[in-house]
Amino acid sequence: MTLSMERCLCVYSAENWQVFSDKVGAMPYVQQRRMRPLFAHAARCELDSQGRTIIPQNLRTYAGLTKNVTVVGCNNHAELWDSEAWKRVYEAESTPENIAAAMEELGF
């Protein structure tokens, strides 16, 4: 699940999940408790015999994944979106102004 109000799922490699887990482990206990929902909903997903990732039903429901799914690369993880929901986010975020602001934040 995401840390924001967006209804998508975040997918981490085992290595990147360990980095995330280590960061949480280094936080004071009060802050760690706020991360509880992320760990409660985390799932190790396996592949079926055809190489498809099996995502638990509760996570598919949370993200509204019913038929068409869009996979978006996002730095150290991937995001799984309902394709229609992603289309709306993409159109809202992919304006020239937003892209220019992001490039400016990166120092380009």
PDB file of N, CA and C in Angstrom:
ATOM      1  N   MET A   1       0.847  -1.176   0.000  1.00  0.00           N
ATOM      2  CA  MET A   1       0.000   0.000   0.000  1.00  0.00           C
ATOM      3  C   MET A   1       0.885   1.229   0.000  1.00  0.00           C
ATOM      4  N   THR A   2       0.330   2.324  -0.379  1.00  0.00           N
ATOM      5  CA  THR A   2       1.120   3.547  -0.444  1.00  0.00           C
ATOM      6  C   THR A   2       1.025   4.321   0.865  1.00  0.00           C
ATOM      7  N   LEU A   3       1.953   5.246   1.048  1.00  0.00           N
ATOM      8  CA  LEU A   3       1.952   6.096   2.235  1.00  0.00           C
ATOM      9  C   LEU A   3       0.989   7.266   2.087  1.00  0.00           C
ATOM     10  N   SER A   4       0.484   7.465   0.879  1.00  0.00           N
ATOM     11  CA  SER A   4      -0.404   8.604   0.643  1.00  0.00           C
ATOM     12  C   SER A   4      -1.831   8.109   0.442  1.00  0.00           C
ATOM     13  N   MET A   5      -2.686   8.995  -0.006  1.00  0.00           N
ATOM     14  CA  MET A   5      -4.086   8.652  -0.237  1.00  0.00           C
ATOM     15  C   MET A   5      -4.282   7.950  -1.577  1.00  0.00           C
ATOM     16  N   GLU A   6      -3.226   7.791  -2.345  1.00  0.00           N
ATOM     17  CA  GLU A   6      -3.355   7.158  -3.643  1.00  0.00           C
ATOM     18  C   GLU A   6      -3.644   5.675  -3.481  1.00  0.00           C
ATOM     19  N   ARG A   7      -4.531   5.179  -4.320  1.00  0.00           N
ATOM     20  CA  ARG A   7      -4.925   3.774  -4.256  1.00  0.00           C
ATOM     21  C   ARG A   7      -4.122   2.956  -5.256  1.00  0.00           C
ATOM     22  N   CYS A   8      -2.885   2.696  -4.893  1.00  0.00           N
ATOM     23  CA  CYS A   8      -2.052   1.823  -5.699  1.00  0.00           C
ATOM     24  C   CYS A   8      -1.247   0.951  -4.753  1.00  0.00           C
ATOM     25  N   LEU A   9      -0.589  -0.041  -5.306  1.00  0.00           N
ATOM     26  CA  LEU A   9       0.268  -0.912  -4.512  1.00  0.00           C
ATOM     27  C   LEU A   9       1.720  -0.653  -4.887  1.00  0.00           C
ATOM     28  N   CYS A  10       2.584  -0.672  -3.894  1.00  0.00           N
ATOM     29  CA  CYS A  10       4.015  -0.518  -4.129  1.00  0.00           C
ATOM     30  C   CYS A  10       4.668  -1.888  -4.072  1.00  0.00           C
ATOM     31  N   VAL A  11       5.549  -2.152  -5.022  1.00  0.00           N
ATOM     32  CA  VAL A  11       6.239  -3.428  -5.119  1.00  0.00           C
ATOM     33  C   VAL A  11       7.730  -3.171  -4.947  1.00  0.00           C
ATOM     34  N   TYR A  12       8.311  -3.859  -3.974  1.00  0.00           N
ATOM     35  CA  TYR A  12       9.734  -3.711  -3.676  1.00  0.00           C
ATOM     36  C   TYR A  12      10.453  -5.028  -3.897  1.00  0.00           C
ATOM     37  N   SER A  13      11.701  -4.947  -4.329  1.00  0.00           N
ATOM     38  CA  SER A  13      12.550  -6.138  -4.332  1.00  0.00           C
ATOM     39  C   SER A  13      12.841  -6.481  -2.876  1.00  0.00           C
ATOM     40  N   ALA A  14      13.296  -7.690  -2.625  1.00  0.00           N
ATOM     41  CA  ALA A  14      13.634  -8.086  -1.252  1.00  0.00           C
ATOM     42  C   ALA A  14      14.694  -7.155  -0.665  1.00  0.00           C
ATOM     43  N   GLU A  15      15.645  -6.755  -1.496  1.00  0.00           N
ATOM     44  CA  GLU A  15      16.716  -5.882  -1.021  1.00  0.00           C
ATOM     45  C   GLU A  15      16.185  -4.497  -0.636  1.00  0.00           C
ATOM     46  N   ASN A  16      15.345  -3.922  -1.491  1.00  0.00           N
ATOM     47  CA  ASN A  16      14.801  -2.596  -1.188  1.00  0.00           C
ATOM     48  C   ASN A  16      13.819  -2.639  -0.028  1.00  0.00           C
ATOM     49  N   TRP A  17      13.086  -3.744   0.114  1.00  0.00           N
ATOM     50  CA  TRP A  17      12.189  -3.872   1.267  1.00  0.00           C
ATOM     51  C   TRP A  17      13.016  -3.924   2.551  1.00  0.00           C
ATOM     52  N   GLN A  18      14.172  -4.585   2.511  1.00  0.00           N
ATOM     53  CA  GLN A  18      15.023  -4.657   3.690  1.00  0.00           C
ATOM     54  C   GLN A  18      15.539  -3.274   4.067  1.00  0.00           C
ATOM     55  N   VAL A  19      15.905  -2.466   3.078  1.00  0.00           N
ATOM     56  CA  VAL A  19      16.344  -1.082   3.346  1.00  0.00           C
ATOM     57  C   VAL A  19      15.212  -0.317   4.027  1.00  0.00           C
ATOM     58  N   PHE A  20      13.997  -0.444   3.504  1.00  0.00           N
ATOM     59  CA  PHE A  20      12.829   0.206   4.092  1.00  0.00           C
ATOM     60  C   PHE A  20      12.620  -0.274   5.525  1.00  0.00           C
ATOM     61  N   SER A  21      12.656  -1.569   5.722  1.00  0.00           N
ATOM     62  CA  SER A  21      12.456  -2.153   7.041  1.00  0.00           C
ATOM     63  C   SER A  21      13.529  -1.683   8.030  1.00  0.00           C
ATOM     64  N   ASP A  22      14.769  -1.611   7.570  1.00  0.00           N
ATOM     65  CA  ASP A  22      15.856  -1.143   8.435  1.00  0.00           C
ATOM     66  C   ASP A  22      15.648   0.318   8.844  1.00  0.00           C
ATOM     67  N   LYS A  23      15.151   1.158   7.908  1.00  0.00           N
ATOM     68  CA  LYS A  23      14.872   2.559   8.244  1.00  0.00           C
ATOM     69  C   LYS A  23      13.809   2.642   9.332  1.00  0.00           C
ATOM     70  N   VAL A  24      12.761   1.850   9.181  1.00  0.00           N
ATOM     71  CA  VAL A  24      11.701   1.843  10.193  1.00  0.00           C
ATOM     72  C   VAL A  24      12.252   1.335  11.519  1.00  0.00           C
ATOM     73  N   GLY A  25      13.076   0.301  11.474  1.00  0.00           N
ATOM     74  CA  GLY A  25      13.666  -0.245  12.691  1.00  0.00           C
ATOM     75  C   GLY A  25      14.539   0.749  13.437  1.00  0.00           C
ATOM     76  N   ALA A  26      15.088   1.719  12.730  1.00  0.00           N
ATOM     77  CA  ALA A  26      15.951   2.728  13.356  1.00  0.00           C
ATOM     78  C   ALA A  26      15.156   3.887  13.949  1.00  0.00           C
ATOM     79  N   MET A  27      13.853   3.936  13.690  1.00  0.00           N
ATOM     80  CA  MET A  27      13.007   5.020  14.204  1.00  0.00           C
ATOM     81  C   MET A  27      12.662   4.782  15.667  1.00  0.00           C
ATOM     82  N   PRO A  28      12.353   5.861  16.386  1.00  0.00           N
ATOM     83  CA  PRO A  28      11.819   5.692  17.739  1.00  0.00           C
ATOM     84  C   PRO A  28      10.512   4.892  17.686  1.00  0.00           C
ATOM     85  N   TYR A  29      10.204   4.201  18.761  1.00  0.00           N
ATOM     86  CA  TYR A  29       9.043   3.310  18.799  1.00  0.00           C
ATOM     87  C   TYR A  29       7.744   4.000  18.387  1.00  0.00           C
ATOM     88  N   VAL A  30       7.530   5.230  18.816  1.00  0.00           N
ATOM     89  CA  VAL A  30       6.293   5.946  18.491  1.00  0.00           C
ATOM     90  C   VAL A  30       6.159   6.090  16.978  1.00  0.00           C
ATOM     91  N   GLN A  31       7.249   6.401  16.302  1.00  0.00           N
ATOM     92  CA  GLN A  31       7.211   6.520  14.839  1.00  0.00           C
ATOM     93  C   GLN A  31       7.030   5.156  14.181  1.00  0.00           C
ATOM     94  N   GLN A  32       7.646   4.130  14.733  1.00  0.00           N
ATOM     95  CA  GLN A  32       7.495   2.784  14.186  1.00  0.00           C
ATOM     96  C   GLN A  32       6.026   2.354  14.194  1.00  0.00           C
ATOM     97  N   ARG A  33       5.306   2.704  15.246  1.00  0.00           N
ATOM     98  CA  ARG A  33       3.894   2.317  15.347  1.00  0.00           C
ATOM     99  C   ARG A  33       3.075   2.903  14.204  1.00  0.00           C
ATOM    100  N   ARG A  34       3.450   4.096  13.733  1.00  0.00           N
ATOM    101  CA  ARG A  34       2.715   4.700  12.617  1.00  0.00           C
ATOM    102  C   ARG A  34       2.929   3.934  11.317  1.00  0.00           C
ATOM    103  N   MET A  35       3.957   3.134  11.254  1.00  0.00           N
ATOM    104  CA  MET A  35       4.245   2.328  10.064  1.00  0.00           C
ATOM    105  C   MET A  35       3.527   0.974  10.109  1.00  0.00           C
ATOM    106  N   ARG A  36       2.863   0.694  11.209  1.00  0.00           N
ATOM    107  CA  ARG A  36       2.202  -0.608  11.395  1.00  0.00           C
ATOM    108  C   ARG A  36       1.302  -1.004  10.229  1.00  0.00           C
ATOM    109  N   PRO A  37       0.449  -0.089   9.710  1.00  0.00           N
ATOM    110  CA  PRO A  37      -0.419  -0.504   8.598  1.00  0.00           C
ATOM    111  C   PRO A  37       0.359  -0.982   7.366  1.00  0.00           C
ATOM    112  N   LEU A  38       1.522  -0.390   7.134  1.00  0.00           N
ATOM    113  CA  LEU A  38       2.310  -0.811   5.974  1.00  0.00           C
ATOM    114  C   LEU A  38       2.787  -2.248   6.135  1.00  0.00           C
ATOM    115  N   PHE A  39       3.223  -2.581   7.329  1.00  0.00           N
ATOM    116  CA  PHE A  39       3.702  -3.941   7.571  1.00  0.00           C
ATOM    117  C   PHE A  39       2.539  -4.922   7.679  1.00  0.00           C
ATOM    118  N   ALA A  40       1.419  -4.481   8.227  1.00  0.00           N
ATOM    119  CA  ALA A  40       0.260  -5.358   8.360  1.00  0.00           C
ATOM    120  C   ALA A  40      -0.285  -5.768   6.997  1.00  0.00           C
ATOM    121  N   HIS A  41      -0.132  -4.906   6.007  1.00  0.00           N
ATOM    122  CA  HIS A  41      -0.656  -5.202   4.678  1.00  0.00           C
ATOM    123  C   HIS A  41       0.418  -5.677   3.706  1.00  0.00           C
ATOM    124  N   ALA A  42       1.635  -5.795   4.166  1.00  0.00           N
ATOM    125  CA  ALA A  42       2.707  -6.268   3.286  1.00  0.00           C
ATOM    126  C   ALA A  42       2.518  -7.755   3.014  1.00  0.00           C
ATOM    127  N   ALA A  43       2.862  -8.157   1.819  1.00  0.00           N
ATOM    128  CA  ALA A  43       2.736  -9.569   1.449  1.00  0.00           C
ATOM    129  C   ALA A  43       3.866  -9.944   0.499  1.00  0.00           C
ATOM    130  N   ARG A  44       4.428 -11.101   0.749  1.00  0.00           N
ATOM    131  CA  ARG A  44       5.392 -11.651  -0.205  1.00  0.00           C
ATOM    132  C   ARG A  44       4.561 -12.336  -1.281  1.00  0.00           C
ATOM    133  N   CYS A  45       4.706 -11.867  -2.500  1.00  0.00           N
ATOM    134  CA  CYS A  45       3.893 -12.394  -3.593  1.00  0.00           C
ATOM    135  C   CYS A  45       4.702 -13.409  -4.392  1.00  0.00           C
ATOM    136  N   GLU A  46       4.070 -14.514  -4.684  1.00  0.00           N
ATOM    137  CA  GLU A  46       4.702 -15.595  -5.433  1.00  0.00           C
ATOM    138  C   GLU A  46       4.232 -15.561  -6.885  1.00  0.00           C
ATOM    139  N   LEU A  47       4.925 -16.297  -7.719  1.00  0.00           N
ATOM    140  CA  LEU A  47       4.546 -16.425  -9.122  1.00  0.00           C
ATOM    141  C   LEU A  47       3.783 -17.730  -9.319  1.00  0.00           C
ATOM    142  N   ASP A  48       2.802 -17.689 -10.226  1.00  0.00           N
ATOM    143  CA  ASP A  48       2.101 -18.928 -10.546  1.00  0.00           C
ATOM    144  C   ASP A  48       2.872 -19.661 -11.653  1.00  0.00           C
ATOM    145  N   SER A  49       2.341 -20.762 -12.125  1.00  0.00           N
ATOM    146  CA  SER A  49       3.049 -21.596 -13.100  1.00  0.00           C
ATOM    147  C   SER A  49       3.247 -20.885 -14.441  1.00  0.00           C
ATOM    148  N   GLN A  50       2.486 -19.817 -14.695  1.00  0.00           N
ATOM    149  CA  GLN A  50       2.636 -19.052 -15.935  1.00  0.00           C
ATOM    150  C   GLN A  50       3.471 -17.789 -15.736  1.00  0.00           C
ATOM    151  N   GLY A  51       4.066 -17.632 -14.569  1.00  0.00           N
ATOM    152  CA  GLY A  51       4.934 -16.484 -14.310  1.00  0.00           C
ATOM    153  C   GLY A  51       4.202 -15.230 -13.902  1.00  0.00           C
ATOM    154  N   ARG A  52       2.917 -15.339 -13.570  1.00  0.00           N
ATOM    155  CA  ARG A  52       2.138 -14.178 -13.128  1.00  0.00           C
ATOM    156  C   ARG A  52       2.271 -14.032 -11.615  1.00  0.00           C
ATOM    157  N   THR A  53       2.295 -12.790 -11.160  1.00  0.00           N
ATOM    158  CA  THR A  53       2.366 -12.512  -9.734  1.00  0.00           C
ATOM    159  C   THR A  53       0.983 -12.668  -9.120  1.00  0.00           C
ATOM    160  N   ILE A  54       0.914 -13.407  -8.036  1.00  0.00           N
ATOM    161  CA  ILE A  54      -0.349 -13.603  -7.333  1.00  0.00           C
ATOM    162  C   ILE A  54      -0.420 -12.581  -6.202  1.00  0.00           C
ATOM    163  N   ILE A  55      -1.372 -11.655  -6.315  1.00  0.00           N
ATOM    164  CA  ILE A  55      -1.548 -10.583  -5.329  1.00  0.00           C
ATOM    165  C   ILE A  55      -2.755 -10.934  -4.469  1.00  0.00           C
ATOM    166  N   PRO A  56      -2.600 -10.898  -3.138  1.00  0.00           N
ATOM    167  CA  PRO A  56      -3.727 -11.224  -2.258  1.00  0.00           C
ATOM    168  C   PRO A  56      -4.962 -10.360  -2.557  1.00  0.00           C
ATOM    169  N   GLN A  57      -6.136 -10.957  -2.386  1.00  0.00           N
ATOM    170  CA  GLN A  57      -7.393 -10.288  -2.709  1.00  0.00           C
ATOM    171  C   GLN A  57      -7.562  -8.973  -1.955  1.00  0.00           C
ATOM    172  N   ASN A  58      -7.195  -8.929  -0.664  1.00  0.00           N
ATOM    173  CA  ASN A  58      -7.389  -7.688   0.091  1.00  0.00           C
ATOM    174  C   ASN A  58      -6.583  -6.534  -0.498  1.00  0.00           C
ATOM    175  N   LEU A  59      -5.417  -6.815  -1.047  1.00  0.00           N
ATOM    176  CA  LEU A  59      -4.614  -5.759  -1.672  1.00  0.00           C
ATOM    177  C   LEU A  59      -5.172  -5.373  -3.038  1.00  0.00           C
ATOM    178  N   ARG A  60      -5.658  -6.359  -3.789  1.00  0.00           N
ATOM    179  CA  ARG A  60      -6.302  -6.028  -5.074  1.00  0.00           C
ATOM    180  C   ARG A  60      -7.522  -5.158  -4.845  1.00  0.00           C
ATOM    181  N   THR A  61      -8.292  -5.467  -3.809  1.00  0.00           N
ATOM    182  CA  THR A  61      -9.477  -4.671  -3.486  1.00  0.00           C
ATOM    183  C   THR A  61      -9.081  -3.260  -3.096  1.00  0.00           C
ATOM    184  N   TYR A  62      -8.083  -3.119  -2.230  1.00  0.00           N
ATOM    185  CA  TYR A  62      -7.613  -1.803  -1.788  1.00  0.00           C
ATOM    186  C   TYR A  62      -7.256  -0.914  -2.977  1.00  0.00           C
ATOM    187  N   ALA A  63      -6.522  -1.479  -3.936  1.00  0.00           N
ATOM    188  CA  ALA A  63      -6.040  -0.688  -5.073  1.00  0.00           C
ATOM    189  C   ALA A  63      -7.026  -0.664  -6.237  1.00  0.00           C
ATOM    190  N   GLY A  64      -8.143  -1.364  -6.108  1.00  0.00           N
ATOM    191  CA  GLY A  64      -9.129  -1.383  -7.185  1.00  0.00           C
ATOM    192  C   GLY A  64      -8.644  -2.113  -8.419  1.00  0.00           C
ATOM    193  N   LEU A  65      -7.771  -3.107  -8.220  1.00  0.00           N
ATOM    194  CA  LEU A  65      -7.239  -3.861  -9.347  1.00  0.00           C
ATOM    195  C   LEU A  65      -8.232  -4.955  -9.716  1.00  0.00           C
ATOM    196  N   THR A  66      -8.925  -4.763 -10.818  1.00  0.00           N
ATOM    197  CA  THR A  66      -9.922  -5.743 -11.228  1.00  0.00           C
ATOM    198  C   THR A  66      -9.574  -6.398 -12.558  1.00  0.00           C
ATOM    199  N   LYS A  67      -9.150  -5.621 -13.530  1.00  0.00           N
ATOM    200  CA  LYS A  67      -8.872  -6.204 -14.838  1.00  0.00           C
ATOM    201  C   LYS A  67      -7.557  -5.681 -15.405  1.00  0.00           C
ATOM    202  N   ASN A  68      -7.544  -4.440 -15.863  1.00  0.00           N
ATOM    203  CA  ASN A  68      -6.350  -3.880 -16.485  1.00  0.00           C
ATOM    204  C   ASN A  68      -5.500  -3.160 -15.448  1.00  0.00           C
ATOM    205  N   VAL A  69      -4.229  -3.548 -15.398  1.00  0.00           N
ATOM    206  CA  VAL A  69      -3.293  -2.999 -14.418  1.00  0.00           C
ATOM    207  C   VAL A  69      -2.137  -2.341 -15.151  1.00  0.00           C
ATOM    208  N   THR A  70      -1.737  -1.167 -14.667  1.00  0.00           N
ATOM    209  CA  THR A  70      -0.583  -0.459 -15.216  1.00  0.00           C
ATOM    210  C   THR A  70       0.536  -0.514 -14.183  1.00  0.00           C
ATOM    211  N   VAL A  71       1.729  -0.874 -14.639  1.00  0.00           N
ATOM    212  CA  VAL A  71       2.914  -0.938 -13.776  1.00  0.00           C
ATOM    213  C   VAL A  71       3.743   0.308 -14.062  1.00  0.00           C
ATOM    214  N   VAL A  72       4.034   1.067 -12.995  1.00  0.00           N
ATOM    215  CA  VAL A  72       4.771   2.321 -13.133  1.00  0.00           C
ATOM    216  C   VAL A  72       6.056   2.214 -12.321  1.00  0.00           C
ATOM    217  N   GLY A  73       7.192   2.447 -12.963  1.00  0.00           N
ATOM    218  CA  GLY A  73       8.465   2.482 -12.252  1.00  0.00           C
ATOM    219  C   GLY A  73       8.563   3.763 -11.451  1.00  0.00           C
ATOM    220  N   CYS A  74       9.020   3.660 -10.213  1.00  0.00           N
ATOM    221  CA  CYS A  74       9.093   4.828  -9.336  1.00  0.00           C
ATOM    222  C   CYS A  74      10.317   4.705  -8.432  1.00  0.00           C
ATOM    223  N   ASN A  75      11.477   5.102  -8.946  1.00  0.00           N
ATOM    224  CA  ASN A  75      12.738   5.077  -8.213  1.00  0.00           C
ATOM    225  C   ASN A  75      13.100   3.665  -7.779  1.00  0.00           C
ATOM    226  N   ASN A  76      12.954   3.330  -6.481  1.00  0.00           N
ATOM    227  CA  ASN A  76      13.409   2.027  -5.979  1.00  0.00           C
ATOM    228  C   ASN A  76      12.289   1.001  -5.867  1.00  0.00           C
ATOM    229  N   HIS A  77      11.137   1.297  -6.453  1.00  0.00           N
ATOM    230  CA  HIS A  77      10.019   0.354  -6.412  1.00  0.00           C
ATOM    231  C   HIS A  77       9.137   0.552  -7.647  1.00  0.00           C
ATOM    232  N   ALA A  78       8.185  -0.330  -7.799  1.00  0.00           N
ATOM    233  CA  ALA A  78       7.192  -0.191  -8.857  1.00  0.00           C
ATOM    234  C   ALA A  78       5.840   0.040  -8.202  1.00  0.00           C
ATOM    235  N   GLU A  79       4.947   0.679  -8.933  1.00  0.00           N
ATOM    236  CA  GLU A  79       3.582   0.878  -8.445  1.00  0.00           C
ATOM    237  C   GLU A  79       2.625   0.146  -9.368  1.00  0.00           C
ATOM    238  N   LEU A  80       1.628  -0.503  -8.769  1.00  0.00           N
ATOM    239  CA  LEU A  80       0.579  -1.187  -9.520  1.00  0.00           C
ATOM    240  C   LEU A  80      -0.688  -0.374  -9.390  1.00  0.00           C
ATOM    241  N   TRP A  81      -1.219   0.053 -10.530  1.00  0.00           N
ATOM    242  CA  TRP A  81      -2.393   0.907 -10.581  1.00  0.00           C
ATOM    243  C   TRP A  81      -3.491   0.259 -11.408  1.00  0.00           C
ATOM    244  N   ASP A  82      -4.745   0.483 -11.032  1.00  0.00           N
ATOM    245  CA  ASP A  82      -5.840   0.243 -11.941  1.00  0.00           C
ATOM    246  C   ASP A  82      -5.583   1.172 -13.121  1.00  0.00           C
ATOM    247  N   SER A  83      -5.677   0.655 -14.341  1.00  0.00           N
ATOM    248  CA  SER A  83      -5.292   1.440 -15.514  1.00  0.00           C
ATOM    249  C   SER A  83      -6.089   2.724 -15.670  1.00  0.00           C
ATOM    250  N   GLU A  84      -7.377   2.693 -15.376  1.00  0.00           N
ATOM    251  CA  GLU A  84      -8.186   3.908 -15.481  1.00  0.00           C
ATOM    252  C   GLU A  84      -7.775   4.940 -14.431  1.00  0.00           C
ATOM    253  N   ALA A  85      -7.491   4.476 -13.213  1.00  0.00           N
ATOM    254  CA  ALA A  85      -7.047   5.389 -12.155  1.00  0.00           C
ATOM    255  C   ALA A  85      -5.699   6.002 -12.530  1.00  0.00           C
ATOM    256  N   TRP A  86      -4.781   5.176 -13.072  1.00  0.00           N
ATOM    257  CA  TRP A  86      -3.476   5.694 -13.468  1.00  0.00           C
ATOM    258  C   TRP A  86      -3.611   6.740 -14.575  1.00  0.00           C
ATOM    259  N   LYS A  87      -4.516   6.512 -15.510  1.00  0.00           N
ATOM    260  CA  LYS A  87      -4.716   7.464 -16.601  1.00  0.00           C
ATOM    261  C   LYS A  87      -5.061   8.846 -16.051  1.00  0.00           C
ATOM    262  N   ARG A  88      -5.932   8.886 -15.047  1.00  0.00           N
ATOM    263  CA  ARG A  88      -6.312  10.173 -14.447  1.00  0.00           C
ATOM    264  C   ARG A  88      -5.115  10.827 -13.736  1.00  0.00           C
ATOM    265  N   VAL A  89      -4.357  10.034 -12.985  1.00  0.00           N
ATOM    266  CA  VAL A  89      -3.184  10.563 -12.272  1.00  0.00           C
ATOM    267  C   VAL A  89      -2.145  11.058 -13.276  1.00  0.00           C
ATOM    268  N   TYR A  90      -1.899  10.257 -14.285  1.00  0.00           N
ATOM    269  CA  TYR A  90      -0.904  10.610 -15.294  1.00  0.00           C
ATOM    270  C   TYR A  90      -1.257  11.923 -15.982  1.00  0.00           C
ATOM    271  N   GLU A  91      -2.509  12.049 -16.373  1.00  0.00           N
ATOM    272  CA  GLU A  91      -2.935  13.283 -17.056  1.00  0.00           C
ATOM    273  C   GLU A  91      -2.805  14.500 -16.144  1.00  0.00           C
ATOM    274  N   ALA A  92      -3.113  14.326 -14.861  1.00  0.00           N
ATOM    275  CA  ALA A  92      -3.023  15.447 -13.922  1.00  0.00           C
ATOM    276  C   ALA A  92      -1.581  15.823 -13.608  1.00  0.00           C
ATOM    277  N   GLU A  93      -0.695  14.817 -13.541  1.00  0.00           N
ATOM    278  CA  GLU A  93       0.684  15.070 -13.126  1.00  0.00           C
ATOM    279  C   GLU A  93       1.629  15.384 -14.270  1.00  0.00           C
ATOM    280  N   SER A  94       1.283  15.011 -15.480  1.00  0.00           N
ATOM    281  CA  SER A  94       2.212  15.133 -16.604  1.00  0.00           C
ATOM    282  C   SER A  94       2.056  16.438 -17.366  1.00  0.00           C
ATOM    283  N   THR A  95       1.833  17.507 -16.644  1.00  0.00           N
ATOM    284  CA  THR A  95       1.749  18.810 -17.297  1.00  0.00           C
ATOM    285  C   THR A  95       3.167  19.370 -17.459  1.00  0.00           C
ATOM    286  N   PRO A  96       3.372  20.221 -18.434  1.00  0.00           N
ATOM    287  CA  PRO A  96       4.700  20.829 -18.595  1.00  0.00           C
ATOM    288  C   PRO A  96       5.163  21.542 -17.313  1.00  0.00           C
ATOM    289  N   GLU A  97       4.214  22.173 -16.609  1.00  0.00           N
ATOM    290  CA  GLU A  97       4.579  22.889 -15.375  1.00  0.00           C
ATOM    291  C   GLU A  97       5.082  21.926 -14.300  1.00  0.00           C
ATOM    292  N   ASN A  98       4.406  20.812 -14.122  1.00  0.00           N
ATOM    293  CA  ASN A  98       4.832  19.828 -13.117  1.00  0.00           C
ATOM    294  C   ASN A  98       6.176  19.208 -13.467  1.00  0.00           C
ATOM    295  N   ILE A  99       6.360  18.897 -14.736  1.00  0.00           N
ATOM    296  CA  ILE A  99       7.631  18.304 -15.162  1.00  0.00           C
ATOM    297  C   ILE A  99       8.765  19.301 -14.973  1.00  0.00           C
ATOM    298  N   ALA A 100       8.536  20.564 -15.333  1.00  0.00           N
ATOM    299  CA  ALA A 100       9.562  21.594 -15.150  1.00  0.00           C
ATOM    300  C   ALA A 100       9.881  21.777 -13.670  1.00  0.00           C
ATOM    301  N   ALA A 101       8.864  21.758 -12.807  1.00  0.00           N
ATOM    302  CA  ALA A 101       9.089  21.912 -11.362  1.00  0.00           C
ATOM    303  C   ALA A 101       9.897  20.738 -10.831  1.00  0.00           C
ATOM    304  N   ALA A 102       9.595  19.520 -11.285  1.00  0.00           N
ATOM    305  CA  ALA A 102      10.354  18.349 -10.826  1.00  0.00           C
ATOM    306  C   ALA A 102      11.813  18.445 -11.270  1.00  0.00           C
ATOM    307  N   MET A 103      12.022  18.856 -12.503  1.00  0.00           N
ATOM    308  CA  MET A 103      13.393  18.995 -13.006  1.00  0.00           C
ATOM    309  C   MET A 103      14.157  20.066 -12.236  1.00  0.00           C
ATOM    310  N   GLU A 104      13.468  21.136 -11.877  1.00  0.00           N
ATOM    311  CA  GLU A 104      14.091  22.210 -11.106  1.00  0.00           C
ATOM    312  C   GLU A 104      14.494  21.694  -9.713  1.00  0.00           C
ATOM    313  N   GLU A 105      13.614  20.919  -9.080  1.00  0.00           N
ATOM    314  CA  GLU A 105      13.934  20.345  -7.755  1.00  0.00           C
ATOM    315  C   GLU A 105      15.166  19.461  -7.830  1.00  0.00           C
ATOM    316  N   LEU A 106      15.362  18.802  -8.969  1.00  0.00           N
ATOM    317  CA  LEU A 106      16.531  17.937  -9.140  1.00  0.00           C
ATOM    318  C   LEU A 106      17.780  18.718  -9.569  1.00  0.00           C
ATOM    319  N   GLY A 107      17.616  19.990  -9.808  1.00  0.00           N
ATOM    320  CA  GLY A 107      18.754  20.808 -10.175  1.00  0.00           C
ATOM    321  C   GLY A 107      19.083  20.804 -11.662  1.00  0.00           C
ATOM    322  N   PHE A 108      18.123  20.465 -12.504  1.00  0.00           N
ATOM    323  CA  PHE A 108      18.346  20.473 -13.950  1.00  0.00           C
ATOM    324  C   PHE A 108      17.823  21.749 -14.563  1.00  0.00           C
TER     325      PHE A 108
END
